[in-house]
Amino acid sequence: MGERLGWSHPEPMSIEEFIEEGETLRSLLNRLVGRISHFQEAVFNPQTQSLSSEVAIVINEHIQNLVQGLETKLQDGDRLLFLPILAGG
């Protein structure tokens, strides 16, 4: 498994996580911070409990506006994709 997330590494990173019934996006992100090197810098800051403004989250192939924010409930079988928001000039 690579040390960085997919956009910083030549190959995308794929992991599977067990989702408990009623688990929220917040709890999953906090768990991933502890397991994946550089996740905190790239995606989620556990101190401020905020997502990076440079990342979009896709859940089940749909970009989510996350009406419930970090309290969005996840279900077993959900697929999350963290995509960098790229800007160029």
C-alpha atoms as a PDB file:
ATOM      1  CA  MET A   1       0.000   0.000   0.000  1.00  0.00           C
ATOM      2  CA  GLY A   2       1.388   3.429  -0.931  1.00  0.00           C
ATOM      3  CA  GLU A   3       2.269   6.133   1.522  1.00  0.00           C
ATOM      4  CA  ARG A   4       0.221   8.856  -0.147  1.00  0.00           C
ATOM      5  CA  LEU A   5      -3.247   9.109  -1.593  1.00  0.00           C
ATOM      6  CA  GLY A   6      -3.887   8.340  -5.246  1.00  0.00           C
ATOM      7  CA  TRP A   7      -3.171  11.782  -6.706  1.00  0.00           C
ATOM      8  CA  SER A   8       0.277  11.950  -5.099  1.00  0.00           C
ATOM      9  CA  HIS A   9       1.165   8.399  -6.003  1.00  0.00           C
ATOM     10  CA  PRO A  10       1.516   6.882  -9.491  1.00  0.00           C
ATOM     11  CA  GLU A  11      -1.297   4.411  -8.801  1.00  0.00           C
ATOM     12  CA  PRO A  12      -4.643   5.104  -7.098  1.00  0.00           C
ATOM     13  CA  MET A  13      -4.967   3.786  -3.581  1.00  0.00           C
ATOM     14  CA  SER A  14      -7.870   1.501  -2.824  1.00  0.00           C
ATOM     15  CA  ILE A  15      -8.807   0.399   0.674  1.00  0.00           C
ATOM     16  CA  GLU A  16     -11.792  -1.343   2.185  1.00  0.00           C
ATOM     17  CA  GLU A  17     -13.222  -0.281   5.511  1.00  0.00           C
ATOM     18  CA  PHE A  18     -15.957  -1.885   7.566  1.00  0.00           C
ATOM     19  CA  ILE A  19     -18.876   0.530   8.009  1.00  0.00           C
ATOM     20  CA  GLU A  20     -21.009   0.098  11.093  1.00  0.00           C
ATOM     21  CA  GLU A  21     -24.723   0.781  10.835  1.00  0.00           C
ATOM     22  CA  GLY A  22     -25.330   4.508  11.263  1.00  0.00           C
ATOM     23  CA  GLU A  23     -21.663   5.449  10.907  1.00  0.00           C
ATOM     24  CA  THR A  24     -21.054   8.977   9.695  1.00  0.00           C
ATOM     25  CA  LEU A  25     -18.605  10.398   7.206  1.00  0.00           C
ATOM     26  CA  ARG A  26     -16.927  12.207  10.137  1.00  0.00           C
ATOM     27  CA  SER A  27     -16.183   9.000  12.035  1.00  0.00           C
ATOM     28  CA  LEU A  28     -14.802   7.312   8.908  1.00  0.00           C
ATOM     29  CA  LEU A  29     -12.543  10.293   8.118  1.00  0.00           C
ATOM     30  CA  ASN A  30     -11.222  10.370  11.688  1.00  0.00           C
ATOM     31  CA  ARG A  31     -10.433   6.670  11.453  1.00  0.00           C
ATOM     32  CA  LEU A  32      -8.639   7.093   8.105  1.00  0.00           C
ATOM     33  CA  VAL A  33      -6.459   9.883   9.521  1.00  0.00           C
ATOM     34  CA  GLY A  34      -5.032   7.343  11.938  1.00  0.00           C
ATOM     35  CA  ARG A  35      -4.454   4.700   9.273  1.00  0.00           C
ATOM     36  CA  ILE A  36      -3.257   6.522   6.139  1.00  0.00           C
ATOM     37  CA  SER A  37      -0.102   8.567   6.073  1.00  0.00           C
ATOM     38  CA  HIS A  38      -0.652  12.144   4.799  1.00  0.00           C
ATOM     39  CA  PHE A  39      -4.468  11.797   4.843  1.00  0.00           C
ATOM     40  CA  GLN A  40      -4.623  14.668   7.316  1.00  0.00           C
ATOM     41  CA  GLU A  41      -2.664  17.011   5.057  1.00  0.00           C
ATOM     42  CA  ALA A  42      -4.518  16.023   1.891  1.00  0.00           C
ATOM     43  CA  VAL A  43      -8.139  15.419   2.892  1.00  0.00           C
ATOM     44  CA  PHE A  44      -9.282  15.931   6.488  1.00  0.00           C
ATOM     45  CA  ASN A  45      -7.984  17.882   9.472  1.00  0.00           C
ATOM     46  CA  PRO A  46      -8.993  16.102  12.692  1.00  0.00           C
ATOM     47  CA  GLN A  47      -8.128  19.096  14.891  1.00  0.00           C
ATOM     48  CA  THR A  48     -10.564  21.419  13.113  1.00  0.00           C
ATOM     49  CA  GLN A  49     -12.847  18.571  11.944  1.00  0.00           C
ATOM     50  CA  SER A  50     -12.873  20.032   8.437  1.00  0.00           C
ATOM     51  CA  LEU A  51     -12.399  18.781   4.902  1.00  0.00           C
ATOM     52  CA  SER A  52      -9.715  20.231   2.691  1.00  0.00           C
ATOM     53  CA  SER A  53     -11.071  22.801   0.247  1.00  0.00           C
ATOM     54  CA  GLU A  54      -8.903  21.098  -2.389  1.00  0.00           C
ATOM     55  CA  VAL A  55     -10.790  17.772  -2.321  1.00  0.00           C
ATOM     56  CA  ALA A  56     -14.201  16.709  -3.640  1.00  0.00           C
ATOM     57  CA  ILE A  57     -15.899  13.619  -2.257  1.00  0.00           C
ATOM     58  CA  VAL A  58     -17.739  11.270  -4.589  1.00  0.00           C
ATOM     59  CA  ILE A  59     -20.065   8.765  -2.935  1.00  0.00           C
ATOM     60  CA  ASN A  60     -21.372   5.915  -5.071  1.00  0.00           C
ATOM     61  CA  GLU A  61     -20.324   7.657  -8.305  1.00  0.00           C
ATOM     62  CA  HIS A  62     -22.170  10.897  -7.459  1.00  0.00           C
ATOM     63  CA  ILE A  63     -20.549  14.111  -6.325  1.00  0.00           C
ATOM     64  CA  GLN A  64     -22.260  14.812  -3.058  1.00  0.00           C
ATOM     65  CA  ASN A  65     -23.212  18.240  -1.813  1.00  0.00           C
ATOM     66  CA  LEU A  66     -23.249  16.610   1.628  1.00  0.00           C
ATOM     67  CA  VAL A  67     -26.388  18.353   2.858  1.00  0.00           C
ATOM     68  CA  GLN A  68     -25.746  16.756   6.249  1.00  0.00           C
ATOM     69  CA  GLY A  69     -22.059  17.601   6.006  1.00  0.00           C
ATOM     70  CA  LEU A  70     -19.778  15.376   8.015  1.00  0.00           C
ATOM     71  CA  GLU A  71     -22.829  13.849   9.696  1.00  0.00           C
ATOM     72  CA  THR A  72     -23.818  12.195   6.384  1.00  0.00           C
ATOM     73  CA  LYS A  73     -24.721   8.591   7.180  1.00  0.00           C
ATOM     74  CA  LEU A  74     -22.813   5.886   5.351  1.00  0.00           C
ATOM     75  CA  GLN A  75     -24.070   2.423   4.505  1.00  0.00           C
ATOM     76  CA  ASP A  76     -22.376  -0.906   3.997  1.00  0.00           C
ATOM     77  CA  GLY A  77     -21.327  -1.092   0.356  1.00  0.00           C
ATOM     78  CA  ASP A  78     -20.906   2.673  -0.135  1.00  0.00           C
ATOM     79  CA  ARG A  79     -17.927   3.573  -2.321  1.00  0.00           C
ATOM     80  CA  LEU A  80     -16.117   6.819  -1.573  1.00  0.00           C
ATOM     81  CA  LEU A  81     -13.668   8.518  -3.881  1.00  0.00           C
ATOM     82  CA  PHE A  82     -11.558  11.499  -2.857  1.00  0.00           C
ATOM     83  CA  LEU A  83     -10.695  13.640  -5.868  1.00  0.00           C
ATOM     84  CA  PRO A  84      -8.285  16.560  -5.904  1.00  0.00           C
ATOM     85  CA  ILE A  85      -9.676  19.835  -7.190  1.00  0.00           C
ATOM     86  CA  LEU A  86      -7.128  20.934  -9.731  1.00  0.00           C
ATOM     87  CA  ALA A  87      -6.586  24.454 -10.979  1.00  0.00           C
ATOM     88  CA  GLY A  88      -4.244  25.492 -13.674  1.00  0.00           C
ATOM     89  CA  GLY A  89      -3.116  28.539 -15.431  1.00  0.00           C
END
